[in-house]
Amino acid sequence: MIGNGSLLIAGCSGPLSTVDPAGASAAAIASLWWAMLIGATLLFALVMALLLWVFLKPAAKRSASPKLWLVGGGLVLPALVLTPLLGYGLYIGEKLLAHPRADAPVRIDVLVRQWDWTFRYPGPNGTRVSVNELHLPVGRAADLHVTTADVIHGFWIPRLGGKVDAIPGHTNVVRLSASQAGSYRGVCAEFCGTGHTVMDFAVEAHDGDAFDAQLDKLSKDTP
């Protein structure tokens, strides 16, 4: 039993785990997932208990009117479960939007193409660029402006936040932040052709001044 439990816990970790968050956005998404899991488990337990009750006491099934089951199970129970879940989901979704804020987030432009990722970091000393490696500051919000040069792709760093589509001719913005320094992994979450399975990128989160120092090491973007 201990070995099986360890395997289950280990399955929740890893570079692509959505339940091992390392940033505020990912933590909000993980909290919604846990709420849905707990709610689904309780609901399943309730249904199984009612089913067992009917089997153990067949007379109870005959004494309860069909209207009670239809109204209670078809209207009241879903309303009690889905209404709070909808409200919580809307609250979490609102928190994930890139709203204006007093401390301006770091801007990073993301250009996706088959089969690589180009990241540009505008700054007072010019724009720096990296390919297939994204650099983020720890503890600071970063707004990533995502677009594509060809087909639709999906930008996703599971441990830092949710997915956003890269759409030709359009720019979507996703706000991410890393709560701890380290290495993460991003992937394309939308099938985009024969190279989709190898279309991933590295993510490095840097503490304090190490982020600016890392940007200074990158090549300058050439028009």
Protein backbone atom coordinates (compact mmCIF):
# COMPACT_ATOMS: atom_id res chain seq x y z
CA MET A 1 0.00 0.00 0.00
CA ILE A 2 2.81 2.43 0.81
CA GLY A 3 4.46 1.74 -2.52
CA ASN A 4 1.22 2.35 -4.42
CA GLY A 5 0.63 5.57 -2.50
CA SER A 6 4.12 6.77 -3.31
CA LEU A 7 3.50 6.10 -6.99
CA LEU A 8 0.26 8.08 -6.89
CA ILE A 9 1.97 11.04 -5.21
CA ALA A 10 4.87 10.88 -7.68
CA GLY A 11 2.37 11.05 -10.53
CA CYS A 12 1.34 14.55 -9.37
CA SER A 13 4.83 15.98 -9.85
CA GLY A 14 7.07 16.51 -12.85
CA PRO A 15 7.76 19.29 -15.37
CA LEU A 16 4.29 19.06 -16.97
CA SER A 17 2.23 18.62 -13.81
CA THR A 18 -0.68 21.04 -13.40
CA VAL A 19 -1.11 20.09 -9.74
CA ASP A 20 2.46 20.99 -8.78
CA PRO A 21 2.20 24.78 -9.32
CA ALA A 22 5.19 27.11 -9.16
CA GLY A 23 3.38 30.36 -9.87
CA ALA A 24 0.26 32.32 -8.90
CA SER A 25 -1.71 31.55 -12.07
CA ALA A 26 -0.93 27.85 -11.92
CA ALA A 27 -1.83 27.76 -8.23
CA ALA A 28 -5.24 29.31 -8.96
CA ILE A 29 -5.90 26.74 -11.69
CA ALA A 30 -4.77 23.90 -9.42
CA SER A 31 -7.10 25.10 -6.64
CA LEU A 32 -10.03 24.96 -9.08
CA TRP A 33 -9.00 21.44 -10.13
CA TRP A 34 -8.86 20.26 -6.52
CA ALA A 35 -12.25 21.83 -5.80
CA MET A 36 -13.74 20.01 -8.79
CA LEU A 37 -12.12 16.72 -7.73
CA ILE A 38 -13.37 16.99 -4.15
CA GLY A 39 -16.86 17.97 -5.32
CA ALA A 40 -16.99 15.13 -7.84
CA THR A 41 -15.85 12.65 -5.20
CA LEU A 42 -18.51 13.78 -2.73
CA LEU A 43 -21.18 13.68 -5.42
CA PHE A 44 -20.12 10.17 -6.47
CA ALA A 45 -20.21 9.03 -2.85
CA LEU A 46 -23.72 10.45 -2.46
CA VAL A 47 -25.01 8.70 -5.58
CA MET A 48 -23.44 5.41 -4.51
CA ALA A 49 -24.98 5.77 -1.03
CA LEU A 50 -28.44 6.34 -2.54
CA LEU A 51 -27.97 3.36 -4.84
CA LEU A 52 -26.94 1.17 -1.92
CA TRP A 53 -29.91 2.44 0.11
CA VAL A 54 -32.31 1.42 -2.66
CA PHE A 55 -30.77 -2.05 -2.89
CA LEU A 56 -30.85 -2.60 0.87
CA LYS A 57 -34.33 -1.16 1.32
CA PRO A 58 -36.39 -1.85 -1.81
CA ALA A 59 -39.49 -0.51 -0.09
CA ALA A 60 -37.91 2.95 0.05
CA LYS A 61 -37.77 3.03 -3.75
CA ARG A 62 -41.51 2.38 -3.99
CA SER A 63 -42.39 4.90 -1.31
CA ALA A 64 -40.51 7.78 -2.96
CA SER A 65 -42.40 9.44 -5.80
CA PRO A 66 -40.75 9.79 -9.24
CA LYS A 67 -41.24 13.55 -8.94
CA LEU A 68 -39.03 13.63 -5.84
CA TRP A 69 -36.20 11.89 -7.69
CA LEU A 70 -36.60 14.09 -10.77
CA VAL A 71 -36.74 17.39 -8.89
CA GLY A 72 -34.20 16.47 -6.22
CA GLY A 73 -31.73 14.66 -8.44
CA GLY A 74 -32.32 16.57 -11.66
CA LEU A 75 -32.75 20.15 -10.42
CA VAL A 76 -31.87 20.73 -6.77
CA LEU A 77 -28.69 18.64 -6.57
CA PRO A 78 -27.12 20.01 -9.82
CA ALA A 79 -28.00 23.56 -8.73
CA LEU A 80 -26.35 23.07 -5.35
CA VAL A 81 -23.21 21.64 -6.95
CA LEU A 82 -22.82 23.59 -10.19
CA THR A 83 -23.76 27.09 -8.98
CA PRO A 84 -20.88 27.42 -6.47
CA LEU A 85 -18.53 25.76 -8.95
CA LEU A 86 -19.52 28.22 -11.68
CA GLY A 87 -19.03 31.16 -9.33
CA TYR A 88 -15.63 29.92 -8.20
CA GLY A 89 -14.59 29.22 -11.80
CA LEU A 90 -15.54 32.75 -12.88
CA TYR A 91 -13.63 34.19 -9.92
CA ILE A 92 -10.50 32.19 -10.79
CA GLY A 93 -10.80 33.04 -14.49
CA GLU A 94 -11.01 36.75 -13.72
CA LYS A 95 -7.83 36.54 -11.63
CA LEU A 96 -5.96 35.03 -14.59
CA LEU A 97 -6.68 37.94 -16.96
CA ALA A 98 -3.94 40.45 -17.71
CA HIS A 99 -5.60 43.46 -16.09
CA PRO A 100 -3.72 46.79 -15.82
CA ARG A 101 -1.80 47.12 -12.58
CA ALA A 102 0.31 49.73 -10.80
CA ASP A 103 3.59 47.85 -11.16
CA ALA A 104 4.00 47.34 -14.89
CA PRO A 105 4.57 43.66 -15.72
CA VAL A 106 7.58 42.57 -17.74
CA ARG A 107 6.67 42.41 -21.43
CA ILE A 108 7.79 39.47 -23.53
CA ASP A 109 6.80 38.99 -27.17
CA VAL A 110 6.39 35.39 -28.30
CA LEU A 111 6.47 34.44 -31.98
CA VAL A 112 5.63 30.82 -32.70
CA ARG A 113 6.32 28.99 -35.93
CA GLN A 114 6.83 25.44 -37.09
CA TRP A 115 8.84 24.27 -35.16
CA ASP A 116 10.38 26.79 -32.78
CA TRP A 117 9.65 29.58 -30.32
CA THR A 118 11.18 33.05 -30.50
CA PHE A 119 11.06 35.23 -27.37
CA ARG A 120 11.77 38.96 -27.51
CA TYR A 121 12.39 41.11 -24.44
CA PRO A 122 11.93 44.86 -25.15
CA GLY A 123 14.01 47.11 -22.92
CA PRO A 124 15.60 50.55 -22.69
CA ASN A 125 18.84 49.21 -24.19
CA GLY A 126 17.17 47.50 -27.10
CA THR A 127 15.32 44.26 -27.60
CA ARG A 128 16.97 40.99 -26.65
CA VAL A 129 16.00 37.69 -28.21
CA SER A 130 16.18 33.99 -27.33
CA VAL A 131 15.03 30.94 -29.25
CA ASN A 132 13.41 27.91 -27.61
CA GLU A 133 14.37 29.22 -24.16
CA LEU A 134 12.19 31.60 -22.17
CA HIS A 135 13.61 33.66 -19.30
CA LEU A 136 11.34 34.94 -16.53
CA PRO A 137 11.91 36.96 -13.34
CA VAL A 138 10.95 35.40 -10.02
CA GLY A 139 8.19 37.17 -8.11
CA ARG A 140 7.31 39.57 -10.93
CA ALA A 141 4.41 39.30 -13.32
CA ALA A 142 5.25 38.87 -16.99
CA ASP A 143 2.79 39.56 -19.80
CA LEU A 144 3.53 37.34 -22.78
CA HIS A 145 2.13 38.62 -26.08
CA VAL A 146 1.70 35.49 -28.16
CA THR A 147 1.22 35.24 -31.91
CA THR A 148 2.23 32.91 -34.74
CA ALA A 149 3.80 33.15 -38.17
CA ASP A 150 1.95 30.18 -39.67
CA VAL A 151 -0.69 27.85 -38.16
CA ILE A 152 -2.47 27.84 -34.79
CA HIS A 153 -0.27 26.72 -31.89
CA GLY A 154 -0.90 26.41 -28.15
CA PHE A 155 1.43 28.13 -25.66
CA TRP A 156 1.49 26.30 -22.33
CA ILE A 157 3.78 26.12 -19.30
CA PRO A 158 1.81 23.75 -17.03
CA ARG A 159 3.56 24.61 -13.74
CA LEU A 160 3.26 28.38 -14.28
CA GLY A 161 -0.16 28.96 -15.81
CA GLY A 162 -2.86 28.09 -18.29
CA LYS A 163 -2.84 27.68 -22.03
CA VAL A 164 -3.28 30.39 -24.62
CA ASP A 165 -3.67 29.99 -28.37
CA ALA A 166 -1.24 31.51 -30.84
CA ILE A 167 -3.43 32.60 -33.76
CA PRO A 168 -2.21 33.96 -37.13
CA GLY A 169 -2.80 37.69 -37.43
CA HIS A 170 -3.85 38.04 -33.80
CA THR A 171 -2.05 38.56 -30.48
CA ASN A 172 -3.22 36.96 -27.24
CA VAL A 173 -1.81 37.98 -23.86
CA VAL A 174 -1.22 35.62 -20.96
CA ARG A 175 0.12 36.75 -17.57
CA LEU A 176 2.52 34.42 -15.78
CA SER A 177 4.74 34.59 -12.74
CA ALA A 178 7.22 32.19 -11.18
CA SER A 179 7.31 31.93 -7.40
CA GLN A 180 10.69 30.21 -7.27
CA ALA A 181 13.84 30.11 -9.34
CA GLY A 182 14.44 27.02 -11.41
CA SER A 183 13.90 25.26 -14.69
CA TYR A 184 10.49 24.56 -16.16
CA ARG A 185 9.16 23.23 -19.43
CA GLY A 186 6.76 24.64 -21.98
CA VAL A 187 5.01 22.82 -24.79
CA CYS A 188 2.77 23.37 -27.77
CA ALA A 189 -0.72 22.32 -26.64
CA GLU A 190 -2.32 22.42 -30.10
CA PHE A 191 -1.59 19.89 -32.85
CA CYS A 192 0.26 21.91 -35.46
CA GLY A 193 1.77 19.37 -37.85
CA THR A 194 4.38 16.64 -38.10
CA GLY A 195 6.81 18.32 -35.70
CA HIS A 196 4.27 18.92 -32.94
CA THR A 197 5.58 16.23 -30.59
CA VAL A 198 9.05 17.80 -30.39
CA MET A 199 7.87 21.40 -30.24
CA ASP A 200 8.73 22.28 -26.65
CA PHE A 201 10.89 24.93 -25.01
CA ALA A 202 12.88 25.45 -21.84
CA VAL A 203 11.90 27.98 -19.19
CA GLU A 204 14.37 29.50 -16.73
CA ALA A 205 13.18 31.62 -13.79
CA HIS A 206 15.84 33.93 -12.32
CA ASP A 207 16.03 35.56 -8.89
CA GLY A 208 16.49 39.31 -8.46
CA ASP A 209 19.09 40.94 -10.69
CA ALA A 210 19.96 37.59 -12.27
CA PHE A 211 17.08 38.10 -14.72
CA ASP A 212 18.46 41.40 -16.06
CA ALA A 213 21.96 39.92 -16.11
CA GLN A 214 20.70 37.01 -18.18
CA LEU A 215 18.99 39.33 -20.65
CA ASP A 216 22.26 41.22 -21.11
CA LYS A 217 23.85 37.97 -22.25
CA LEU A 218 21.28 37.41 -24.97
CA SER A 219 21.72 38.55 -28.55
CA LYS A 220 20.22 41.85 -29.60
CA ASP A 221 17.30 41.64 -31.97
CA THR A 222 18.06 42.78 -35.50
CA PRO A 223 15.24 44.29 -37.58
